[in-house]
Protein backbone atom coordinates (compact mmCIF):
# COMPACT_ATOMS: atom_id res chain seq x y z
CA UNK A 1 -0.02 -0.03 -0.02
CA UNK A 2 1.42 3.43 -0.95
CA UNK A 3 0.72 6.04 1.72
CA UNK A 4 0.95 9.65 0.69
CA UNK A 5 1.79 12.40 3.13
CA UNK A 6 4.75 13.68 5.07
CA UNK A 7 6.94 11.31 7.04
CA UNK A 8 6.99 11.32 10.79
CA UNK A 9 10.06 13.22 11.97
CA UNK A 10 12.07 11.20 14.65
CA UNK A 11 13.07 13.43 17.64
CA UNK A 12 15.26 12.91 20.65
CA UNK A 13 12.39 12.32 23.09
CA UNK A 14 10.86 9.49 21.02
CA UNK A 15 10.60 6.18 22.99
CA UNK A 16 10.25 3.74 20.09
CA UNK A 17 13.89 2.45 20.03
CA UNK A 18 15.12 -0.75 21.67
CA UNK A 19 17.48 1.09 24.04
CA UNK A 20 14.91 3.71 25.17
CA UNK A 21 12.12 1.16 25.62
CA UNK A 22 14.23 -1.15 27.75
CA UNK A 23 15.49 1.85 29.66
CA UNK A 24 11.98 2.95 30.54
CA UNK A 25 11.02 -0.70 31.55
CA UNK A 26 14.06 -0.93 33.77
CA UNK A 27 13.81 2.52 35.29
CA UNK A 28 10.21 1.92 36.35
CA UNK A 29 10.63 -1.77 37.31
CA UNK A 30 7.83 -2.71 34.92
CA UNK A 31 6.87 -6.30 34.71
CA UNK A 32 4.88 -6.56 31.47
CA UNK A 33 1.52 -8.28 31.61
CA UNK A 34 0.90 -10.87 28.98
CA UNK A 35 -2.82 -10.83 30.02
CA UNK A 36 -2.93 -7.19 28.79
CA UNK A 37 -1.12 -7.93 25.51
CA UNK A 38 1.77 -5.61 26.46
CA UNK A 39 4.29 -5.78 23.53
CA UNK A 40 5.87 -2.46 22.76
CA UNK A 41 6.68 -1.46 19.23
CA UNK A 42 10.30 -0.29 18.70
CA UNK A 43 10.39 0.38 14.89
CA UNK A 44 10.01 3.88 13.72
CA UNK A 45 9.40 2.84 10.14
CA UNK A 46 6.32 0.77 11.15
CA UNK A 47 4.98 3.61 13.44
CA UNK A 48 5.34 5.98 10.48
CA UNK A 49 3.29 3.65 8.31
CA UNK A 50 0.56 3.32 10.97
CA UNK A 51 0.29 7.09 11.44
CA UNK A 52 0.37 7.96 7.68
CA UNK A 53 -2.43 5.45 7.01
CA UNK A 54 -4.65 7.38 9.46
CA UNK A 55 -4.60 10.61 7.26
CA UNK A 56 -4.27 12.96 10.12
CA UNK A 57 -3.82 16.68 10.16
CA UNK A 58 -3.94 19.72 12.44
CA UNK A 59 -7.82 19.84 12.34
CA UNK A 60 -8.23 16.04 12.85
CA UNK A 61 -8.11 13.93 15.95
CA UNK A 62 -6.89 10.47 16.94
CA UNK A 63 -8.17 8.07 19.53
CA UNK A 64 -5.61 5.55 20.68
CA UNK A 65 -6.39 2.35 22.56
CA UNK A 66 -3.72 0.95 24.86
CA UNK A 67 -0.82 3.45 24.40
CA UNK A 68 1.53 1.51 26.62
CA UNK A 69 4.58 3.85 27.14
CA UNK A 70 3.58 6.20 24.36
CA UNK A 71 5.60 5.20 21.22
CA UNK A 72 2.65 5.48 18.89
CA UNK A 73 0.98 8.26 20.95
CA UNK A 74 4.04 10.60 20.34
CA UNK A 75 3.87 10.06 16.62
CA UNK A 76 0.11 10.73 16.54
CA UNK A 77 0.61 14.02 18.52
CA UNK A 78 3.05 15.21 15.93
CA UNK A 79 0.41 15.28 13.18
CA UNK A 80 -3.05 15.31 14.87
CA UNK A 81 -4.69 18.43 16.37
CA UNK A 82 -5.96 16.38 19.24
CA UNK A 83 -5.09 12.97 20.69
CA UNK A 84 -6.87 10.91 23.35
CA UNK A 85 -5.22 7.73 24.56
CA UNK A 86 -7.23 5.24 26.69
CA UNK A 87 -4.97 3.07 28.93
CA UNK A 88 -6.25 0.28 31.23
CA UNK A 89 -2.90 -0.27 33.14
CA UNK A 90 -2.70 2.31 35.92
CA UNK A 91 1.07 1.61 36.32
CA UNK A 92 1.71 3.22 32.92
CA UNK A 93 -0.02 6.53 33.65
CA UNK A 94 3.03 8.32 35.23
CA UNK A 95 5.23 6.99 32.41
CA UNK A 96 2.80 8.38 29.88
CA UNK A 97 2.61 11.70 31.68
CA UNK A 98 6.39 12.04 31.27
CA UNK A 99 6.40 10.70 27.65
CA UNK A 100 3.71 13.02 26.49
CA UNK A 101 4.73 16.13 28.43
CA UNK A 102 5.88 17.97 25.20
CA UNK A 103 2.45 17.45 23.70
CA UNK A 104 -0.27 19.35 25.67
CA UNK A 105 -2.97 18.58 23.07
CA UNK A 106 -2.64 14.91 23.94
CA UNK A 107 -4.84 13.55 26.85
CA UNK A 108 -4.36 10.08 28.56
CA UNK A 109 -7.60 8.60 29.98
CA UNK A 110 -7.42 5.82 32.43
CA UNK A 111 -10.02 3.15 31.57
CA UNK A 112 -11.00 -0.03 29.84
CA UNK A 113 -12.16 0.83 26.35
CA UNK A 114 -14.78 -1.96 26.44
CA UNK A 115 -16.37 -0.24 29.43
CA UNK A 116 -15.83 3.34 28.32
CA UNK A 117 -18.68 5.53 27.12
CA UNK A 118 -17.04 6.40 23.91
CA UNK A 119 -19.82 8.56 22.67
CA UNK A 120 -19.35 10.79 25.76
CA UNK A 121 -15.65 10.76 25.15
CA UNK A 122 -16.03 12.02 21.66
CA UNK A 123 -18.41 14.82 22.88
CA UNK A 124 -15.96 15.84 25.55
CA UNK A 125 -12.54 15.81 23.56
CA UNK A 126 -13.33 15.88 19.79
CA UNK A 127 -16.03 18.65 19.51
CA UNK A 128 -15.18 20.92 16.55
CA UNK A 129 -12.61 18.48 14.88
CA UNK A 130 -12.93 17.81 11.20
CA UNK A 131 -12.57 14.09 11.62
CA UNK A 132 -11.54 11.39 14.12
CA UNK A 133 -9.62 8.14 13.51
CA UNK A 134 -8.83 5.29 15.82
CA UNK A 135 -5.23 4.41 15.59
CA UNK A 136 -3.89 1.62 17.90
CA UNK A 137 -1.70 -1.41 18.48
CA UNK A 138 -4.48 -3.69 19.86
CA UNK A 139 -4.09 -6.46 22.27
CA UNK A 140 -4.69 -9.62 20.34
CA UNK A 141 -7.00 -11.20 22.81
CA UNK A 142 -9.68 -8.54 22.48
CA UNK A 143 -9.15 -7.18 18.93
CA UNK A 144 -12.59 -8.23 17.58
CA UNK A 145 -14.72 -6.98 20.54
CA UNK A 146 -12.96 -3.63 20.40
CA UNK A 147 -13.46 -3.09 16.68
CA UNK A 148 -17.02 -4.33 16.74
CA UNK A 149 -17.83 -1.95 19.74
CA UNK A 150 -16.34 0.95 17.75
CA UNK A 151 -18.39 0.08 14.66
CA UNK A 152 -21.63 -0.85 16.24
CA UNK A 153 -21.81 2.44 18.25
CA UNK A 154 -21.88 4.34 14.97
CA UNK A 155 -19.17 6.81 16.01
CA UNK A 156 -18.28 9.60 13.54
CA UNK A 157 -15.08 7.85 12.43
CA UNK A 158 -13.05 8.25 9.29
CA UNK A 159 -10.54 5.45 9.73
CA UNK A 160 -9.65 2.65 12.04
CA UNK A 161 -5.99 1.88 11.67
CA UNK A 162 -4.86 -0.91 13.86
CA UNK A 163 -1.99 -3.29 14.30
CA UNK A 164 -3.48 -6.80 14.98
CA UNK A 165 -2.54 -10.44 14.64
CA UNK A 166 -1.96 -11.13 10.90
CA UNK A 167 -4.40 -13.95 10.86
CA UNK A 168 -7.22 -11.72 12.07
CA UNK A 169 -6.27 -8.99 9.57
CA UNK A 170 -6.46 -11.64 6.75
CA UNK A 171 -9.90 -12.59 7.95
CA UNK A 172 -11.14 -9.09 8.06
CA UNK A 173 -10.04 -8.38 4.45
CA UNK A 174 -10.91 -11.79 2.98
CA UNK A 175 -13.11 -12.17 -0.14
CA UNK A 176 -15.80 -14.65 -0.80
CA UNK A 177 -14.52 -18.11 -1.77
CA UNK A 178 -11.39 -18.03 0.31
CA UNK A 179 -10.40 -19.98 3.32
CA UNK A 180 -10.26 -16.79 5.56
CA UNK A 181 -13.71 -15.45 4.62
CA UNK A 182 -16.33 -15.81 7.29
CA UNK A 183 -18.64 -13.95 9.48
CA UNK A 184 -15.87 -11.53 10.64
CA UNK A 185 -15.12 -10.51 7.10
CA UNK A 186 -18.75 -9.65 6.47
CA UNK A 187 -19.17 -7.80 9.74
CA UNK A 188 -16.13 -5.62 9.17
CA UNK A 189 -16.84 -5.16 5.38
CA UNK A 190 -20.53 -4.14 6.11
CA UNK A 191 -19.13 -1.14 8.03
CA UNK A 192 -15.74 -0.50 6.33
CA UNK A 193 -13.44 -0.87 3.41
CA UNK A 194 -10.47 -2.94 4.69
CA UNK A 195 -6.97 -2.40 3.23
CA UNK A 196 -3.82 -4.10 4.34
CA UNK A 197 -1.12 -1.53 5.08
CA UNK A 198 1.94 -3.65 6.01
CA UNK A 199 3.03 -6.90 7.55
CA UNK A 200 4.90 -6.58 10.87
CA UNK A 201 7.47 -9.15 11.98
CA UNK A 202 7.40 -10.24 15.62
CA UNK A 203 11.08 -9.00 15.93
CA UNK A 204 10.07 -5.31 16.19
CA UNK A 205 8.49 -5.65 19.60
CA UNK A 206 9.73 -5.79 23.26
CA UNK A 207 8.92 -8.44 24.29
CA UNK A 208 8.43 -10.50 21.08
CA UNK A 209 5.03 -11.90 20.58
CA UNK A 210 4.47 -15.47 19.36
CA UNK A 211 2.95 -14.43 16.00
CA UNK A 212 3.44 -12.01 13.26
CA UNK A 213 1.25 -8.84 13.04
CA UNK A 214 -0.25 -6.78 10.30
CA UNK A 215 -1.50 -3.11 10.08
CA UNK A 216 -4.97 -2.81 8.53
CA UNK A 217 -6.86 0.25 7.64
CA UNK A 218 -10.56 0.18 7.90
CA UNK A 219 -12.04 3.07 6.03
CA UNK A 220 -15.43 3.59 7.70
CA UNK A 221 -18.37 3.61 5.11
CA UNK A 222 -20.97 6.36 5.24
CA UNK A 223 -23.66 3.72 4.31
CA UNK A 224 -23.37 -0.07 4.09
CA UNK A 225 -22.66 -1.72 0.66
CA UNK A 226 -25.96 -3.62 0.83
CA UNK A 227 -29.51 -2.58 1.94
CA UNK A 228 -30.99 -4.72 4.59
CA UNK A 229 -34.40 -4.09 6.51
CA UNK A 230 -33.18 -5.71 9.77
CA UNK A 231 -29.43 -5.54 10.48
CA UNK A 232 -29.50 -7.74 13.51
CA UNK A 233 -31.35 -10.49 11.57
CA UNK A 234 -28.92 -10.07 8.60
CA UNK A 235 -26.05 -10.90 10.94
CA UNK A 236 -27.98 -13.76 12.67
CA UNK A 237 -28.23 -15.30 9.20
CA UNK A 238 -24.59 -14.74 8.46
CA UNK A 239 -23.59 -16.35 11.79
CA UNK A 240 -25.83 -19.27 11.29
CA UNK A 241 -24.32 -19.88 7.79
CA UNK A 242 -20.82 -20.35 9.25
CA UNK A 243 -21.71 -22.35 12.42
CA UNK A 244 -20.10 -25.34 10.81
CA UNK A 245 -17.92 -24.41 7.86
CA UNK A 246 -17.88 -27.87 6.32
CA UNK A 247 -21.68 -28.13 6.23
CA UNK A 248 -23.82 -26.79 3.38
CA UNK A 249 -25.74 -23.64 3.62
CA UNK A 250 -28.93 -25.67 3.61
CA UNK A 251 -27.96 -27.78 6.62
CA UNK A 252 -26.60 -24.79 8.69
CA UNK A 253 -29.73 -22.65 7.96
CA UNK A 254 -32.18 -25.60 8.60
CA UNK A 255 -30.63 -26.18 12.03
CA UNK A 256 -31.09 -22.52 13.03
CA UNK A 257 -34.29 -21.41 11.35
CA UNK A 258 -36.45 -24.39 10.45
CA UNK A 259 -38.16 -27.25 12.25
CA UNK A 260 -38.10 -30.87 10.97
CA UNK A 261 -41.59 -30.43 9.57
CA UNK A 262 -41.03 -27.27 7.55
CA UNK A 263 -37.39 -28.03 6.63
CA UNK A 264 -38.36 -28.90 2.97
CA UNK A 265 -39.45 -25.24 2.52
CA UNK A 266 -35.88 -24.00 2.83
CA UNK A 267 -34.72 -25.72 -0.40
CA UNK A 268 -37.51 -24.01 -2.48
CA UNK A 269 -36.71 -20.65 -0.73
CA UNK A 270 -32.99 -20.84 -1.63
CA UNK A 271 -33.70 -21.92 -5.21
CA UNK A 272 -36.11 -19.04 -5.50
CA UNK A 273 -33.49 -16.51 -4.81
CA UNK A 274 -30.92 -18.27 -7.14
CA UNK A 275 -28.76 -19.76 -4.42
CA UNK A 276 -27.93 -23.40 -4.66
CA UNK A 277 -28.69 -25.23 -1.26
CA UNK A 278 -25.47 -27.24 -1.74
CA UNK A 279 -23.31 -24.17 -1.46
CA UNK A 280 -21.30 -23.26 1.67
CA UNK A 281 -21.53 -20.05 3.57
CA UNK A 282 -17.94 -19.05 2.53
CA UNK A 283 -19.01 -18.81 -1.20
CA UNK A 284 -21.75 -16.22 -0.74
CA UNK A 285 -21.14 -12.51 -1.43
CA UNK A 286 -22.58 -9.88 0.94
CA UNK A 287 -25.21 -9.06 -1.69
CA UNK A 288 -26.33 -12.74 -1.63
CA UNK A 289 -26.43 -12.78 2.20
CA UNK A 290 -28.65 -9.60 2.00
CA UNK A 291 -30.92 -11.34 -0.47
CA UNK A 292 -31.02 -14.50 1.72
CA UNK A 293 -31.81 -12.61 4.94
CA UNK A 294 -34.64 -10.75 3.25
CA UNK A 295 -36.18 -14.00 1.92
CA UNK A 296 -35.87 -15.72 5.32
CA UNK A 297 -37.45 -12.75 7.14
CA UNK A 298 -40.27 -12.58 4.62
CA UNK A 299 -40.76 -16.31 5.19
CA UNK A 300 -41.32 -15.53 8.86
CA UNK A 301 -37.97 -16.73 10.25
CA UNK A 302 -36.72 -15.09 13.40
């Protein structure tokens, strides 16, 4: 992916180097918590790619989740007019206060993003900004809940640029008919246009994680790519279609929406909307899922 814009300028106070990161950890006696996914990025080139993908500017804002010791936060503050970083680990707050001291337009909030009233946070900190992007190195174990919370709350976001486990990034960007395509692909692509920014090797973190990472940009759509009358039911149909990937669409849907007595009606319904009952969920496009959910809803399925 070719990212336009000015490169981030590296300065003396930047913490994203192996020596500076290790120095901060040692100075503060930090024992990094695996349970919080604490792997600190130490590569300026990767940081630059993340920040450039967010398309920030002096009239735009960034929300960071899990700033750690502030490596990415510093780079965001160099380009964005306002930065808010939500950190769950109270031990890191004094470190962040020191790291971010040169950037008065950056605010660190102590909290769990999954329990935070993000709508209120936007009203308090981002009023008057031309656009807001989420930019973060997300803990692998809660990547999907965080992204889905941000999308389902219908926040006024431009981009979500996150570093996540490569396997999850592949699933978010997957196309129909591929092994990675599934309910997560559809959920993300219903709300966003995904684009892989770069692959990140495990060697650029302290400590090193067990897997490689990827940076993905999710450009938030103004309207979904398909029209559905009932979004919750649409996603219920998608989920049901992937319950057992090796099973046909017919078998998965029959188990979820039909009784033994009215099961034969499903085949006629599928053929009526030009979807072969023998197909598997992973072969259906989002347009076909929209057509399928509309037909099932009209049939009285819940």
